[in-house]
N, C-alpha and C. Protein backbone atom coordinates (compact mmCIF):
# COMPACT_ATOMS: atom_id res chain seq x y z
N MET A 1 72.82 -58.35 -153.09
CA MET A 1 72.39 -58.20 -154.23
C MET A 1 71.47 -57.00 -155.39
N LYS A 2 71.54 -56.70 -155.95
CA LYS A 2 70.16 -55.82 -156.16
C LYS A 2 69.63 -56.41 -157.67
N ILE A 3 69.04 -57.04 -157.85
CA ILE A 3 67.89 -57.15 -159.51
C ILE A 3 66.60 -56.68 -159.90
N SER A 4 66.30 -56.33 -161.37
CA SER A 4 65.32 -55.97 -161.58
C SER A 4 63.97 -56.44 -161.15
N ALA A 5 63.61 -57.67 -160.72
CA ALA A 5 62.40 -57.95 -160.29
C ALA A 5 61.75 -57.27 -158.58
N ARG A 6 60.86 -56.80 -159.05
CA ARG A 6 59.98 -56.10 -157.75
C ARG A 6 59.18 -56.81 -156.99
N ASN A 7 59.56 -58.72 -157.46
CA ASN A 7 58.12 -58.94 -156.57
C ASN A 7 58.91 -59.83 -155.14
N GLN A 8 59.32 -59.42 -154.82
CA GLN A 8 60.05 -60.14 -153.74
C GLN A 8 59.66 -59.89 -152.20
N ILE A 9 59.40 -62.02 -152.20
CA ILE A 9 58.55 -62.43 -150.97
C ILE A 9 59.99 -63.77 -150.43
N LYS A 10 59.48 -62.63 -148.54
CA LYS A 10 60.46 -63.25 -148.14
C LYS A 10 59.56 -64.68 -147.09
N GLY A 11 60.61 -65.79 -147.16
CA GLY A 11 59.57 -66.93 -146.57
C GLY A 11 60.75 -68.32 -146.00
N ARG A 12 60.15 -68.69 -145.50
CA ARG A 12 60.59 -69.77 -145.24
C ARG A 12 60.84 -71.54 -146.36
N ILE A 13 61.64 -72.44 -146.18
CA ILE A 13 61.64 -73.67 -147.01
C ILE A 13 60.87 -75.03 -145.92
N VAL A 14 59.72 -74.80 -146.44
CA VAL A 14 59.28 -76.19 -145.93
C VAL A 14 59.43 -77.53 -146.10
N SER A 15 59.84 -77.60 -147.51
CA SER A 15 60.62 -79.30 -148.13
C SER A 15 60.84 -78.82 -149.09
N VAL A 16 62.06 -79.83 -149.66
CA VAL A 16 63.01 -79.93 -150.77
C VAL A 16 62.56 -80.95 -151.54
N THR A 17 61.83 -81.86 -152.81
CA THR A 17 61.81 -82.83 -152.73
C THR A 17 62.48 -83.17 -154.53
N PRO A 18 63.88 -83.87 -153.88
CA PRO A 18 64.44 -84.39 -155.10
C PRO A 18 63.55 -84.96 -156.13
N GLY A 19 64.20 -84.80 -157.55
CA GLY A 19 63.72 -85.80 -158.71
C GLY A 19 64.59 -85.82 -159.52
N ALA A 20 64.76 -86.12 -160.64
CA ALA A 20 65.30 -86.95 -161.42
C ALA A 20 66.01 -85.53 -162.30
N VAL A 21 65.69 -84.47 -162.44
CA VAL A 21 66.66 -83.43 -162.70
C VAL A 21 66.15 -82.30 -162.02
N ASN A 22 64.75 -82.22 -161.59
CA ASN A 22 63.77 -81.21 -161.60
C ASN A 22 64.28 -81.31 -160.02
N ALA A 23 64.17 -80.27 -158.72
CA ALA A 23 63.59 -80.44 -157.67
C ALA A 23 62.34 -79.49 -157.35
N THR A 24 61.42 -79.99 -156.56
CA THR A 24 60.16 -78.89 -155.79
C THR A 24 60.90 -78.24 -154.75
N VAL A 25 60.46 -77.11 -154.36
CA VAL A 25 61.50 -76.16 -153.48
C VAL A 25 59.85 -75.84 -152.77
N LYS A 26 59.62 -75.96 -152.02
CA LYS A 26 58.33 -75.96 -151.52
C LYS A 26 58.09 -73.66 -150.01
N ILE A 27 57.73 -73.01 -149.85
CA ILE A 27 58.29 -71.91 -149.15
C ILE A 27 57.08 -71.73 -148.84
N ASP A 28 57.22 -71.35 -147.81
CA ASP A 28 56.00 -70.76 -146.12
C ASP A 28 56.29 -69.30 -146.61
N ILE A 29 55.63 -69.20 -146.99
CA ILE A 29 54.82 -67.42 -147.07
C ILE A 29 54.78 -66.11 -145.76
N GLY A 30 53.68 -67.07 -145.44
CA GLY A 30 53.08 -66.94 -143.81
C GLY A 30 51.62 -66.74 -144.63
N GLY A 31 50.88 -66.15 -143.75
CA GLY A 31 49.45 -66.06 -143.71
C GLY A 31 48.84 -66.95 -144.30
N GLY A 32 49.31 -68.24 -144.28
CA GLY A 32 48.09 -69.55 -144.73
C GLY A 32 48.82 -70.31 -146.45
N ASN A 33 50.06 -69.16 -146.98
CA ASN A 33 50.46 -69.34 -147.72
C ASN A 33 51.85 -69.77 -148.32
N VAL A 34 51.96 -70.72 -149.72
CA VAL A 34 52.79 -72.01 -149.79
C VAL A 34 53.16 -71.07 -151.02
N VAL A 35 54.56 -71.15 -151.74
CA VAL A 35 55.18 -70.91 -153.10
C VAL A 35 55.73 -72.07 -153.05
N THR A 36 55.28 -72.81 -154.98
CA THR A 36 55.67 -73.75 -154.87
C THR A 36 56.48 -73.76 -156.21
N SER A 37 58.21 -73.98 -156.27
CA SER A 37 59.08 -73.63 -157.35
C SER A 37 59.91 -74.80 -157.68
N SER A 38 59.72 -75.57 -158.81
CA SER A 38 60.69 -76.41 -160.09
C SER A 38 61.76 -75.55 -160.23
N ILE A 39 63.17 -76.15 -159.61
CA ILE A 39 64.81 -75.49 -160.00
C ILE A 39 65.13 -77.03 -160.18
N THR A 40 66.40 -77.10 -161.31
CA THR A 40 66.93 -77.55 -161.09
C THR A 40 67.91 -78.26 -159.90
N GLU A 41 68.02 -79.69 -159.44
CA GLU A 41 68.92 -80.10 -158.97
C GLU A 41 70.48 -79.69 -158.47
N GLU A 42 71.29 -79.17 -159.71
CA GLU A 42 71.90 -78.17 -159.75
C GLU A 42 72.13 -77.02 -158.87
N ALA A 43 70.75 -76.54 -159.37
CA ALA A 43 70.49 -74.79 -158.70
C ALA A 43 70.22 -75.03 -156.79
N VAL A 44 69.81 -76.04 -156.44
CA VAL A 44 69.37 -76.67 -155.12
C VAL A 44 70.82 -76.69 -154.32
N ALA A 45 72.05 -77.31 -155.15
CA ALA A 45 73.02 -78.06 -154.21
C ALA A 45 73.89 -76.23 -154.66
N ASP A 46 73.62 -75.82 -156.21
CA ASP A 46 74.58 -74.87 -155.38
C ASP A 46 74.32 -73.52 -154.28
N LEU A 47 72.90 -73.28 -154.59
CA LEU A 47 72.75 -72.49 -153.02
C LEU A 47 72.54 -73.25 -151.92
N GLY A 48 72.78 -74.28 -151.81
CA GLY A 48 72.59 -75.49 -150.85
C GLY A 48 71.17 -75.36 -150.23
N LEU A 49 70.29 -75.25 -150.73
CA LEU A 49 69.21 -75.12 -149.73
C LEU A 49 68.79 -76.34 -149.00
N ALA A 50 67.84 -76.02 -147.76
CA ALA A 50 67.68 -76.83 -146.74
C ALA A 50 66.49 -76.18 -146.16
N GLU A 51 65.50 -77.55 -145.71
CA GLU A 51 64.24 -77.15 -145.33
C GLU A 51 64.57 -76.55 -143.91
N GLY A 52 64.17 -74.94 -143.77
CA GLY A 52 64.25 -74.11 -142.63
C GLY A 52 64.93 -73.34 -143.36
N ASP A 53 65.47 -72.83 -144.37
CA ASP A 53 66.03 -72.07 -144.66
C ASP A 53 65.43 -70.93 -144.84
N ASP A 54 66.01 -69.57 -144.54
CA ASP A 54 64.78 -68.65 -144.55
C ASP A 54 65.64 -68.10 -146.55
N VAL A 55 64.63 -67.76 -146.88
CA VAL A 55 64.90 -67.33 -148.95
C VAL A 55 63.65 -66.31 -149.44
N THR A 56 64.36 -65.49 -149.69
CA THR A 56 63.79 -64.62 -150.63
C THR A 56 63.21 -65.54 -152.10
N VAL A 57 61.97 -65.32 -152.28
CA VAL A 57 60.85 -65.96 -153.33
C VAL A 57 60.93 -64.10 -154.59
N ILE A 58 61.19 -64.71 -155.80
CA ILE A 58 61.60 -63.45 -157.06
C ILE A 58 60.64 -63.80 -157.91
N VAL A 59 59.08 -63.32 -158.72
CA VAL A 59 59.01 -63.39 -159.42
C VAL A 59 59.18 -62.80 -160.22
N LYS A 60 59.51 -63.67 -161.94
CA LYS A 60 59.25 -62.37 -162.54
C LYS A 60 58.67 -63.29 -163.78
N ALA A 61 58.22 -62.62 -164.71
CA ALA A 61 57.15 -62.94 -165.46
C ALA A 61 56.89 -61.87 -166.82
N SER A 62 56.34 -62.41 -167.15
CA SER A 62 55.62 -61.75 -168.17
C SER A 62 54.29 -62.13 -168.33
N ASP A 63 54.16 -62.74 -167.85
CA ASP A 63 52.00 -63.12 -168.44
C ASP A 63 52.00 -63.62 -166.33
N VAL A 64 50.52 -62.61 -166.23
CA VAL A 64 50.77 -63.12 -164.38
C VAL A 64 49.03 -63.11 -165.11
N LEU A 65 48.20 -65.06 -164.92
CA LEU A 65 47.20 -65.39 -165.00
C LEU A 65 46.00 -64.97 -163.75
N ILE A 66 45.31 -64.87 -163.85
CA ILE A 66 44.57 -65.26 -162.25
C ILE A 66 42.84 -66.30 -162.84
N GLY A 67 42.90 -66.37 -161.64
CA GLY A 67 41.54 -67.81 -162.19
C GLY A 67 40.86 -67.29 -161.14
N LYS A 68 39.21 -67.74 -161.40
CA LYS A 68 38.10 -67.51 -160.41
C LYS A 68 36.97 -69.07 -160.20
């Protein structure tokens, strides 16, 4: 699959926490870093996401904020 987003990071799902509408998916991207994504329960089911799955985190944003 080719997509236009350039920010693609390989990782492994460490947890999927279901919610009423959205699930929280935590992905270990290495180096002690974990990315958290909130996606619909329907997307979790369609993709068959589960703890231990290797996935790609894709970031496509119009704004990137930095804090210190």
